[in-house]
Amino acid sequence: MEPENTPAPVVVYFEVRQKDAYRMDSLVVRLDDSQIGGQAQKNLIKLRSGNFFEGVFPGSEGIAHIVTENIKRPAYLSLGTEKSPFLNQYVVFPGDSIKVQLDTYRNQVVFSGPSAPLFRCQRELHLLMAERSFATDIRMGFNSPENLETYLSKEGKRKQFIQSQKQFGSHTHVYVRKEQDLAILESTFSDGYEDRILEVITRYQGILPADRLHIIKANYLGRLRFSRLKTFNNAIAYALRSDDPEHRKVLAAFFKEHDKADIIDDIPEQAIISSPSYQQYLITRARSYAYLHGTSIFAQIRDMPNGTVKDHLAARYICEEFDQLEKGDLKTKEALTFINSPRPKEALEALLSSLGQGQVLQGAVFTGLDGKPMDLSTLKGKVLLLDFWYTGCKACINFFSSRISKIEEHFKDNPTFQMVSISADKDRTRWIRSIESGRYTSHNALNLYTGGKGFQHSFLENMDISAFPRLILVAKDGTIRQAGGLKQPLEDMIKLIEEALPNKNNPDTLTLQ
């Protein structure tokens, strides 16, 4: 497969047969670039009524004709509503044409047109992965038999548990980690779904070109193996936290045995760099090695043999995990010393540029509780910690409780520091309710929101703020001091802020509750 194909659009004809109770008036069309740093196309298409000559019944059916912008490499198509896509991340290629019918009467999706085999293959695999998820019991691990017994002794729990085990259907499997971790891993890694994925791929040989099948294969094997390794990583992380060397040895032996089976040599390099799912699996695999060898994920990727895949893995890991990385800017600069592939290099250079260290805070105009605009550049002279969140973000709730609230308490008497809480909520009433709840922010902070623009506020877009919570530290001269990698242990965050303050008279110690 050529790295870059002749640019061409993807053409989609969409038709929905629907009941009035479930009427769809518009269609969200999203097309994501397959490679790190690529741009996404997203459009809201208004459905129109068809007519007799278009082969649809007016009033009961809606249709849309979609021609995307030109693409020159594989991309990922999603179709659906704002809240739920019914086609999610299907790989497409320049020049593909597909007819899609959503039939709400029969609860089915039907494909036709030149690219129908491409979509049917992925639909089969998508349903296969959904079947695996449905067939897998929810698991709840406990650190000791005593902890499990304490949980079951709570009012009604034991009775519910015993009754559920007698019934045919889905169950929640409660277990003691050390006693059953290995058995759970054995069942997870030997569930047979890898062979079933390969069976589907084999059936489409001769129907779909080999280059397309390679990417589809990488996508679904990547998703399966990512899921498996998450289970393993949870187990090994527990063994490390509990300081249990024997259990760690058992898990390490299991990984060594099963990791060999996970090495596939017949997925071409070009297919891997066109498959975010397979790259995510390889990054998760690096996490497993990091746990086992006491190193970092970045070090595992850095020490891989040089090549295009390594370049893409390093760039994807840094771009997606930057806000969690300690000294992420230094790691980004180090990665640029060994990355040779143009696209990953461009993505990391764009990341460093978007962080804006040393740049004057511009366009940071939000709306206050009084409904008036507030330009943060007017707060020059104070060190600002900007905390971006939105209602419903559980990570935002946890981060406020564990970090932000304690930072506020630590600096409450320092007039040169200002905590600024910025919500991406579109609804003003919802934002105010969240402030009053005390779960996302406090009245000690300067509370602002994006004025009804939500995530589309220009400052959020310019700073690439798409994952929450997100923090930005602003120096007293109004320049950005640090715009990523701030989600560190509390003591380290306190230290970073104190280093930015004009007077370093604050104590360096913090009493944790």
Protein backbone atom coordinates (compact mmCIF):
# COMPACT_ATOMS: atom_id res chain seq x y z
CA MET A 1 0.00 0.00 0.00
CA GLU A 2 1.32 3.41 -0.93
CA PRO A 3 1.82 5.72 2.10
CA GLU A 4 -0.25 8.44 0.43
CA ASN A 5 -3.06 7.69 -2.03
CA THR A 6 -4.53 10.04 -4.62
CA PRO A 7 -6.69 12.50 -2.66
CA ALA A 8 -10.40 11.77 -3.03
CA PRO A 9 -13.56 12.17 -0.92
CA VAL A 10 -15.64 9.50 0.74
CA VAL A 11 -19.19 9.46 -0.63
CA VAL A 12 -22.01 8.35 1.67
CA TYR A 13 -25.70 7.94 0.86
CA PHE A 14 -27.65 7.61 4.11
CA GLU A 15 -31.25 6.53 4.44
CA VAL A 16 -33.25 6.00 7.61
CA ARG A 17 -36.57 4.21 7.91
CA GLN A 18 -37.99 5.31 11.19
CA LYS A 19 -40.93 5.40 13.53
CA ASP A 20 -42.20 8.74 14.74
CA ALA A 21 -41.27 7.87 18.34
CA TYR A 22 -37.62 7.48 17.36
CA ARG A 23 -37.37 10.15 14.68
CA MET A 24 -33.89 11.23 13.60
CA ASP A 25 -33.84 14.72 12.13
CA SER A 26 -30.11 15.11 11.57
CA LEU A 27 -26.99 12.99 11.17
CA VAL A 28 -23.57 13.58 12.71
CA VAL A 29 -20.81 12.63 10.26
CA ARG A 30 -17.29 12.39 11.70
CA LEU A 31 -14.15 11.46 9.80
CA ASP A 32 -10.97 11.02 11.86
CA ASP A 33 -7.51 10.91 10.35
CA SER A 34 -5.76 7.60 10.98
CA GLN A 35 -2.45 9.16 11.97
CA ILE A 36 -1.40 11.17 14.98
CA GLY A 37 -1.86 14.90 14.55
CA GLY A 38 -4.35 14.49 11.70
CA GLN A 39 -7.45 16.67 11.61
CA ALA A 40 -10.98 15.41 12.16
CA GLN A 41 -13.87 16.43 9.93
CA LYS A 42 -17.20 16.73 11.74
CA ASN A 43 -20.50 17.89 10.26
CA LEU A 44 -24.14 17.94 11.32
CA ILE A 45 -26.23 17.04 8.27
CA LYS A 46 -29.94 17.88 8.23
CA LEU A 47 -31.96 14.94 6.91
CA ARG A 48 -34.50 15.69 4.21
CA SER A 49 -37.59 13.88 3.06
CA GLY A 50 -37.19 11.73 0.00
CA ASN A 51 -39.63 11.31 -2.87
CA PHE A 52 -41.01 8.60 -5.11
CA PHE A 53 -38.30 9.03 -7.74
CA GLU A 54 -35.59 8.60 -5.10
CA GLY A 55 -37.14 5.32 -4.01
CA VAL A 56 -38.19 6.48 -0.57
CA PHE A 57 -41.53 7.21 1.03
CA PRO A 58 -41.95 10.89 1.92
CA GLY A 59 -42.72 11.51 5.56
CA SER A 60 -41.53 8.15 6.86
CA GLU A 61 -37.96 8.19 5.65
CA GLY A 62 -35.06 10.65 5.80
CA ILE A 63 -32.07 10.76 3.50
CA ALA A 64 -28.74 12.54 3.21
CA HIS A 65 -26.10 12.70 0.49
CA ILE A 66 -22.63 13.29 1.96
CA VAL A 67 -19.39 14.02 0.15
CA THR A 68 -16.49 14.49 2.57
CA GLU A 69 -13.46 16.64 2.02
CA ASN A 70 -10.65 14.92 0.13
CA ILE A 71 -8.57 12.43 2.11
CA LYS A 72 -5.27 10.93 0.94
CA ARG A 73 -4.85 8.06 3.40
CA PRO A 74 -7.11 5.74 5.43
CA ALA A 75 -9.50 7.51 7.82
CA TYR A 76 -12.21 6.45 10.29
CA LEU A 77 -15.88 7.18 9.65
CA SER A 78 -18.56 7.49 12.34
CA LEU A 79 -22.27 8.08 11.71
CA GLY A 80 -24.99 8.69 14.27
CA THR A 81 -26.52 11.24 16.58
CA GLU A 82 -24.75 13.72 18.86
CA LYS A 83 -24.89 11.24 21.74
CA SER A 84 -24.54 7.89 20.03
CA PRO A 85 -23.01 6.71 16.72
CA PHE A 86 -24.53 3.59 15.19
CA LEU A 87 -21.41 3.22 13.05
CA ASN A 88 -18.30 3.91 15.09
CA GLN A 89 -14.80 4.24 13.67
CA TYR A 90 -15.14 2.24 10.44
CA VAL A 91 -11.99 2.51 8.36
CA VAL A 92 -12.53 4.08 4.90
CA PHE A 93 -10.23 4.90 2.02
CA PRO A 94 -9.98 7.69 -0.56
CA GLY A 95 -12.73 7.29 -3.15
CA ASP A 96 -14.93 4.89 -1.15
CA SER A 97 -18.68 5.02 -1.88
CA ILE A 98 -21.18 3.46 0.52
CA LYS A 99 -24.96 3.31 0.85
CA VAL A 100 -26.13 2.94 4.46
CA GLN A 101 -29.69 2.22 5.54
CA LEU A 102 -30.71 2.45 9.18
CA ASP A 103 -33.99 0.60 9.66
CA THR A 104 -35.52 1.38 13.05
CA TYR A 105 -38.49 -0.88 12.34
CA ARG A 106 -36.28 -3.96 12.22
CA ASN A 107 -33.40 -2.58 14.31
CA GLN A 108 -30.81 -3.24 11.64
CA VAL A 109 -28.14 -1.53 9.53
CA VAL A 110 -27.81 -2.50 5.86
CA PHE A 111 -24.98 -1.71 3.43
CA SER A 112 -24.95 -1.47 -0.35
CA GLY A 113 -22.82 0.12 -3.04
CA PRO A 114 -19.19 -0.37 -4.15
CA SER A 115 -17.71 -0.30 -0.61
CA ALA A 116 -20.35 -2.53 0.99
CA PRO A 117 -17.98 -5.53 1.48
CA LEU A 118 -15.57 -3.27 3.40
CA PHE A 119 -18.36 -2.25 5.77
CA ARG A 120 -19.87 -5.74 6.08
CA CYS A 121 -16.51 -7.15 7.14
CA GLN A 122 -16.12 -4.51 9.84
CA ARG A 123 -19.74 -4.93 10.94
CA GLU A 124 -19.15 -8.65 11.50
CA LEU A 125 -16.05 -7.93 13.55
CA HIS A 126 -17.76 -5.16 15.49
CA LEU A 127 -20.58 -7.51 16.47
CA LEU A 128 -18.02 -10.16 17.38
CA MET A 129 -16.29 -7.77 19.78
CA ALA A 130 -19.69 -6.73 21.19
CA GLU A 131 -20.51 -10.40 21.75
CA ARG A 132 -17.25 -10.88 23.65
CA SER A 133 -18.01 -7.89 25.85
CA PHE A 134 -21.53 -9.14 26.56
CA ALA A 135 -20.29 -12.67 27.30
CA THR A 136 -17.69 -11.46 29.82
CA ASP A 137 -18.87 -11.11 33.40
CA ILE A 138 -18.19 -7.89 35.26
CA ARG A 139 -15.36 -8.53 37.73
CA MET A 140 -14.82 -6.98 41.15
CA GLY A 141 -11.53 -7.89 42.82
CA PHE A 142 -10.81 -7.69 46.56
CA ASN A 143 -7.41 -7.57 48.21
CA SER A 144 -8.15 -10.25 50.79
CA PRO A 145 -10.80 -12.82 51.81
CA GLU A 146 -11.60 -10.57 54.76
CA ASN A 147 -12.36 -7.61 52.48
CA LEU A 148 -14.60 -9.78 50.31
CA GLU A 149 -16.44 -11.09 53.37
CA THR A 150 -16.92 -7.55 54.70
CA TYR A 151 -18.45 -6.51 51.38
CA LEU A 152 -20.83 -9.49 51.23
CA SER A 153 -21.84 -8.92 54.85
CA LYS A 154 -23.39 -5.57 54.01
CA GLU A 155 -27.17 -5.49 54.11
CA GLY A 156 -28.66 -7.52 51.28
CA LYS A 157 -25.39 -8.11 49.37
CA ARG A 158 -24.96 -11.81 50.14
CA LYS A 159 -28.57 -12.59 49.34
CA GLN A 160 -28.33 -10.70 46.03
CA PHE A 161 -25.09 -12.49 45.19
CA ILE A 162 -26.44 -15.99 45.93
CA GLN A 163 -29.65 -15.33 44.02
CA SER A 164 -27.81 -13.97 40.97
CA GLN A 165 -25.61 -17.08 40.74
CA LYS A 166 -28.71 -19.28 40.44
CA GLN A 167 -30.03 -17.38 37.45
CA PHE A 168 -29.07 -17.77 33.81
CA GLY A 169 -27.61 -14.52 32.46
CA SER A 170 -24.90 -11.98 33.16
CA HIS A 171 -23.22 -11.91 36.56
CA THR A 172 -20.77 -9.84 38.56
CA HIS A 173 -17.86 -12.04 39.52
CA VAL A 174 -16.45 -11.13 42.94
CA TYR A 175 -13.09 -12.64 43.80
CA VAL A 176 -9.90 -12.39 45.86
CA ARG A 177 -7.16 -11.04 43.61
CA LYS A 178 -4.19 -13.15 44.60
CA GLU A 179 -6.24 -16.35 44.63
CA GLN A 180 -7.95 -15.95 41.25
CA ASP A 181 -5.96 -13.43 39.20
CA LEU A 182 -4.17 -16.17 37.27
CA ALA A 183 -7.36 -18.13 36.51
CA ILE A 184 -9.08 -14.98 35.24
CA LEU A 185 -6.10 -14.13 33.03
CA GLU A 186 -6.02 -17.66 31.62
CA SER A 187 -9.70 -17.47 30.66
CA THR A 188 -9.29 -13.96 29.25
CA PHE A 189 -6.31 -14.81 27.04
CA SER A 190 -7.74 -18.14 25.82
CA ASP A 191 -11.32 -17.11 25.02
CA GLY A 192 -10.95 -18.04 21.34
CA TYR A 193 -11.93 -14.64 19.93
CA GLU A 194 -8.58 -14.07 18.24
CA ASP A 195 -9.15 -17.16 16.09
CA ARG A 196 -12.69 -15.98 15.32
CA ILE A 197 -11.39 -12.58 14.19
CA LEU A 198 -8.89 -14.29 11.88
CA GLU A 199 -11.67 -16.51 10.49
CA VAL A 200 -13.65 -13.44 9.43
CA ILE A 201 -10.54 -11.88 7.87
CA THR A 202 -9.83 -15.09 5.96
CA ARG A 203 -13.37 -15.20 4.53
CA TYR A 204 -12.89 -11.75 2.99
CA GLN A 205 -9.61 -12.62 1.30
CA GLY A 206 -10.14 -12.20 -2.43
CA ILE A 207 -13.15 -9.97 -1.77
CA LEU A 208 -11.24 -7.06 -0.24
CA PRO A 209 -7.75 -5.93 -1.28
CA ALA A 210 -4.95 -7.20 0.97
CA ASP A 211 -3.92 -3.72 2.11
CA ARG A 212 -7.42 -3.04 3.45
CA LEU A 213 -7.62 -6.40 5.20
CA HIS A 214 -4.27 -5.76 6.88
CA ILE A 215 -5.60 -2.55 8.45
CA ILE A 216 -8.90 -4.17 9.50
CA LYS A 217 -6.96 -7.06 11.01
CA ALA A 218 -4.69 -4.66 12.89
CA ASN A 219 -7.71 -2.71 14.16
CA TYR A 220 -9.61 -5.63 15.65
CA LEU A 221 -6.65 -7.62 16.91
CA GLY A 222 -5.45 -4.39 18.48
CA ARG A 223 -8.78 -3.83 20.25
CA LEU A 224 -8.89 -7.42 21.50
CA ARG A 225 -5.31 -7.45 22.77
CA PHE A 226 -5.63 -4.01 24.32
CA SER A 227 -8.59 -5.31 26.34
CA ARG A 228 -6.65 -8.39 27.43
CA LEU A 229 -3.58 -6.44 28.48
CA LYS A 230 -5.70 -4.02 30.51
CA THR A 231 -6.78 -7.02 32.59
CA PHE A 232 -3.16 -8.12 32.99
CA ASN A 233 -1.96 -4.62 33.85
CA ASN A 234 -4.62 -4.28 36.54
CA ALA A 235 -3.37 -7.53 38.09
CA ILE A 236 0.34 -6.65 37.96
CA ALA A 237 -0.36 -3.14 39.28
CA TYR A 238 -2.10 -4.70 42.28
CA ALA A 239 0.88 -7.01 42.87
CA LEU A 240 3.19 -3.98 42.85
CA ARG A 241 0.98 -1.96 45.19
CA SER A 242 0.67 -4.84 47.64
CA ASP A 243 4.45 -5.46 47.51
CA ASP A 244 3.95 -9.16 46.78
CA PRO A 245 7.06 -10.42 44.93
CA GLU A 246 5.79 -14.01 44.65
CA HIS A 247 2.54 -12.98 43.01
CA ARG A 248 4.52 -10.70 40.72
CA LYS A 249 6.72 -13.61 39.64
CA VAL A 250 3.66 -15.72 38.83
CA LEU A 251 2.19 -12.92 36.72
CA ALA A 252 5.54 -12.26 35.01
CA ALA A 253 5.77 -15.93 34.01
CA PHE A 254 2.23 -15.78 32.62
CA PHE A 255 3.07 -12.68 30.58
CA LYS A 256 6.27 -14.20 29.21
CA GLU A 257 4.34 -17.25 28.02
CA HIS A 258 1.44 -15.39 26.44
CA ASP A 259 3.31 -12.42 25.02
CA LYS A 260 4.97 -14.72 22.47
CA ALA A 261 1.54 -15.58 21.10
CA ASP A 262 0.79 -11.89 20.70
CA ILE A 263 3.64 -11.21 18.28
CA ILE A 264 2.36 -11.14 14.70
CA ASP A 265 4.86 -10.61 11.92
CA ASP A 266 2.46 -10.45 8.97
CA ILE A 267 0.92 -7.05 9.73
CA PRO A 268 2.81 -4.61 7.50
CA GLU A 269 4.32 -1.48 9.00
CA GLN A 270 2.03 0.73 6.91
CA ALA A 271 -1.06 -1.04 8.33
CA ILE A 272 0.17 -0.49 11.90
CA ILE A 273 0.69 3.24 11.42
CA SER A 274 -2.82 3.45 9.90
CA SER A 275 -4.35 1.66 12.91
CA PRO A 276 -4.69 3.72 16.12
CA SER A 277 -6.13 0.60 17.81
CA TYR A 278 -3.04 -1.51 17.14
CA GLN A 279 -0.77 1.32 18.24
CA GLN A 280 -2.77 1.64 21.47
CA TYR A 281 -2.26 -2.09 22.03
CA LEU A 282 1.50 -1.74 21.51
CA ILE A 283 1.61 1.20 23.95
CA THR A 284 -0.32 -0.88 26.50
CA ARG A 285 2.17 -3.69 25.92
CA ALA A 286 4.97 -1.22 26.69
CA ARG A 287 3.10 -0.41 29.92
CA SER A 288 3.14 -4.13 30.83
CA TYR A 289 6.91 -4.27 30.33
CA ALA A 290 7.30 -1.07 32.34
CA TYR A 291 5.43 -2.62 35.27
CA LEU A 292 7.45 -5.83 35.07
CA HIS A 293 10.86 -4.17 34.77
CA GLY A 294 10.35 -1.11 36.93
CA THR A 295 10.86 1.37 34.09
CA SER A 296 8.61 3.93 32.39
CA ILE A 297 6.39 3.51 29.34
CA PHE A 298 8.34 6.25 27.60
CA ALA A 299 11.62 4.40 28.25
CA GLN A 300 10.17 1.17 26.84
CA ILE A 301 9.14 2.93 23.62
CA ARG A 302 12.38 4.94 23.42
CA ASP A 303 14.46 1.75 23.63
CA MET A 304 12.60 0.01 20.79
CA PRO A 305 14.52 -0.47 17.51
CA ASN A 306 14.36 2.67 15.42
CA GLY A 307 11.72 2.71 12.72
CA THR A 308 8.46 4.23 11.56
CA VAL A 309 6.33 2.27 14.04
CA LYS A 310 8.46 3.43 16.96
CA ASP A 311 8.14 7.03 15.75
CA HIS A 312 4.35 6.81 15.64
CA LEU A 313 4.11 5.08 19.02
CA ALA A 314 6.27 7.70 20.71
CA ALA A 315 4.30 10.58 19.22
CA ARG A 316 0.91 9.03 19.99
CA TYR A 317 1.89 8.19 23.58
CA ILE A 318 3.17 11.70 24.28
CA CYS A 319 0.28 13.50 22.58
CA GLU A 320 -2.42 11.41 24.30
CA GLU A 321 -0.80 11.21 27.72
CA PHE A 322 0.98 14.55 27.87
CA ASP A 323 -1.13 16.00 30.66
CA GLN A 324 -0.25 13.01 32.86
CA LEU A 325 3.48 13.00 32.08
CA GLU A 326 6.00 14.33 34.53
CA LYS A 327 8.25 16.77 32.65
CA GLY A 328 6.27 16.09 29.51
CA ASP A 329 7.91 18.96 27.65
CA LEU A 330 11.37 17.45 28.22
CA LYS A 331 10.19 14.02 27.09
CA THR A 332 8.69 15.62 23.98
CA LYS A 333 12.00 17.30 23.15
CA GLU A 334 13.88 14.03 23.75
CA ALA A 335 11.50 12.16 21.44
CA LEU A 336 12.18 14.71 18.71
CA THR A 337 15.87 13.72 18.82
CA PHE A 338 15.14 10.16 17.65
CA ILE A 339 11.93 10.53 15.60
CA ASN A 340 12.65 10.72 11.87
CA SER A 341 9.19 10.21 10.33
CA PRO A 342 7.71 13.52 9.15
CA ARG A 343 4.15 13.15 10.48
CA PRO A 344 5.00 12.16 14.09
CA LYS A 345 7.67 14.87 14.18
CA GLU A 346 5.15 17.48 12.99
CA ALA A 347 2.63 16.33 15.63
CA LEU A 348 5.13 16.76 18.47
CA GLU A 349 6.37 20.09 17.18
CA ALA A 350 2.74 21.26 17.00
CA LEU A 351 2.22 20.03 20.57
CA LEU A 352 5.16 22.05 21.86
CA SER A 353 3.93 25.07 19.94
CA SER A 354 0.37 24.75 21.30
CA LEU A 355 1.61 24.59 24.88
CA GLY A 356 2.70 28.17 24.47
CA GLN A 357 5.40 28.35 27.18
CA GLY A 358 6.50 31.95 27.41
CA GLN A 359 3.65 33.21 25.23
CA VAL A 360 1.41 36.00 26.44
CA LEU A 361 -2.02 34.79 27.52
CA GLN A 362 -4.30 35.82 24.66
CA GLY A 363 -7.97 35.24 23.90
CA ALA A 364 -8.65 34.07 27.45
CA VAL A 365 -11.95 35.92 27.74
CA PHE A 366 -14.64 34.01 29.62
CA THR A 367 -17.94 34.82 31.32
CA GLY A 368 -18.36 35.39 35.05
CA LEU A 369 -21.23 34.74 37.43
CA ASP A 370 -22.44 38.28 36.81
CA GLY A 371 -22.79 37.52 33.10
CA LYS A 372 -20.02 39.94 32.15
CA PRO A 373 -16.89 39.07 30.16
CA MET A 374 -13.68 38.55 32.09
CA ASP A 375 -10.31 38.87 30.35
CA LEU A 376 -7.67 36.94 32.30
CA SER A 377 -4.94 39.19 30.93
CA THR A 378 -6.23 41.86 33.34
CA LEU A 379 -4.98 39.70 36.24
CA LYS A 380 -1.36 40.35 35.30
CA GLY A 381 0.73 40.50 38.48
CA LYS A 382 -0.77 37.34 39.93
CA VAL A 383 0.18 33.71 39.36
CA LEU A 384 -2.88 31.93 37.96
CA LEU A 385 -3.74 28.24 37.98
CA LEU A 386 -6.45 27.67 35.36
CA ASP A 387 -8.56 24.55 35.97
CA PHE A 388 -10.78 23.53 33.02
CA TRP A 389 -13.67 21.12 33.75
CA TYR A 390 -17.27 20.34 32.81
CA THR A 391 -20.32 18.99 34.63
CA GLY A 392 -20.45 15.19 34.55
CA CYS A 393 -16.66 14.72 34.40
CA LYS A 394 -15.90 12.23 37.19
CA ALA A 395 -12.16 12.76 36.79
CA CYS A 396 -12.77 16.47 37.38
CA ILE A 397 -14.63 15.72 40.62
CA ASN A 398 -11.85 13.43 41.85
CA PHE A 399 -9.12 15.88 40.87
CA PHE A 400 -10.81 18.77 42.65
CA SER A 401 -11.15 16.70 45.80
CA SER A 402 -7.61 15.31 45.80
CA ARG A 403 -5.62 18.27 44.43
CA ILE A 404 -7.38 21.56 43.64
CA SER A 405 -9.20 21.97 46.96
CA LYS A 406 -5.94 21.34 48.85
CA ILE A 407 -4.02 23.77 46.64
CA GLU A 408 -6.65 26.41 47.37
CA GLU A 409 -6.28 25.79 51.10
CA HIS A 410 -2.49 25.94 50.89
CA PHE A 411 -2.43 29.31 49.10
CA LYS A 412 -5.56 30.88 50.59
CA ASP A 413 -3.59 33.65 52.35
CA ASN A 414 -1.29 34.44 49.44
CA PRO A 415 -2.52 37.54 47.55
CA THR A 416 -0.22 36.85 44.59
CA PHE A 417 -1.97 33.56 43.71
CA GLN A 418 -5.39 33.16 42.09
CA MET A 419 -7.22 29.90 41.42
CA VAL A 420 -9.33 30.24 38.26
CA SER A 421 -12.04 27.62 37.66
CA ILE A 422 -13.32 27.52 34.06
CA SER A 423 -16.26 25.32 33.07
CA ALA A 424 -16.86 24.16 29.49
CA ASP A 425 -20.58 23.76 30.22
CA LYS A 426 -22.89 25.25 27.60
CA ASP A 427 -25.81 25.63 30.01
CA ARG A 428 -25.37 28.48 32.51
CA THR A 429 -27.91 27.04 34.98
CA ARG A 430 -26.17 23.69 35.01
CA TRP A 431 -22.82 25.40 35.58
CA ILE A 432 -24.15 27.37 38.55
CA ARG A 433 -25.67 24.21 40.07
CA SER A 434 -22.28 22.51 39.80
CA ILE A 435 -20.60 25.42 41.58
CA GLU A 436 -23.17 25.22 44.38
CA SER A 437 -22.60 21.45 44.70
CA GLY A 438 -18.97 22.07 45.73
CA ARG A 439 -17.82 18.99 43.84
CA TYR A 440 -16.05 20.69 40.92
CA THR A 441 -14.94 24.04 42.35
CA SER A 442 -15.33 26.30 45.35
CA HIS A 443 -16.41 29.87 45.99
CA ASN A 444 -12.78 30.69 46.82
CA ALA A 445 -11.89 30.41 43.12
CA LEU A 446 -12.64 32.87 40.36
CA ASN A 447 -15.48 30.94 38.68
CA LEU A 448 -15.92 31.44 34.94
CA TYR A 449 -17.42 29.50 32.03
CA THR A 450 -17.16 29.50 28.26
CA GLY A 451 -20.25 31.67 27.84
CA GLY A 452 -22.43 29.06 26.14
CA LYS A 453 -19.76 28.09 23.56
CA GLY A 454 -18.90 24.87 25.37
CA PHE A 455 -15.88 23.03 24.02
CA GLN A 456 -15.90 25.25 20.90
CA HIS A 457 -14.56 28.29 22.77
CA SER A 458 -11.64 29.69 20.76
CA PHE A 459 -9.19 29.53 23.69
CA LEU A 460 -9.92 25.82 24.26
CA GLU A 461 -9.51 25.10 20.56
CA ASN A 462 -6.28 27.09 20.25
CA MET A 463 -4.77 25.39 23.30
CA ASP A 464 -6.06 21.97 22.18
CA ILE A 465 -8.04 21.48 25.42
CA SER A 466 -10.14 18.42 24.66
CA ALA A 467 -9.50 16.18 27.70
CA PHE A 468 -10.54 17.18 31.20
CA PRO A 469 -9.56 18.22 33.74
CA ARG A 470 -6.85 20.35 32.12
CA LEU A 471 -4.57 22.76 33.96
CA ILE A 472 -2.54 25.77 32.80
CA LEU A 473 -0.11 27.66 35.04
CA VAL A 474 0.24 31.37 34.18
CA ALA A 475 3.20 33.41 35.44
CA LYS A 476 2.78 36.80 37.10
CA ASP A 477 3.89 38.59 33.90
CA GLY A 478 0.87 37.15 32.05
CA THR A 479 2.80 34.53 30.08
CA ILE A 480 2.08 30.81 30.05
CA ARG A 481 4.53 29.08 32.37
CA GLN A 482 3.29 25.50 31.91
CA ALA A 483 0.31 24.21 29.92
CA GLY A 484 0.57 20.46 30.36
CA GLY A 485 1.96 17.77 32.61
CA LEU A 486 0.56 19.48 35.72
CA LYS A 487 -1.42 16.51 37.04
CA GLN A 488 1.38 15.51 39.40
CA PRO A 489 1.43 14.46 43.05
CA LEU A 490 0.10 17.23 45.27
CA GLU A 491 3.48 18.11 46.79
CA ASP A 492 4.99 18.54 43.30
CA MET A 493 2.12 20.76 42.16
CA ILE A 494 2.55 22.93 45.25
CA LYS A 495 6.27 23.22 44.48
CA LEU A 496 5.65 24.23 40.85
CA ILE A 497 3.28 27.01 41.93
CA GLU A 498 5.64 28.25 44.65
CA GLU A 499 8.49 28.45 42.14
CA ALA A 500 6.30 30.69 39.99
CA LEU A 501 5.35 33.05 42.82
CA PRO A 502 7.17 36.41 43.09
CA ASN A 503 7.95 35.77 46.78
CA LYS A 504 9.01 32.31 47.88
CA ASN A 505 8.20 32.74 51.54
CA ASN A 506 5.64 29.97 51.67
CA PRO A 507 6.59 26.80 53.55
CA ASP A 508 7.59 23.92 51.32
CA THR A 509 5.85 21.35 53.42
CA LEU A 510 2.22 20.35 53.23
CA THR A 511 0.26 18.37 55.75
CA LEU A 512 -1.93 15.91 53.88
CA GLN A 513 -5.28 14.87 55.27
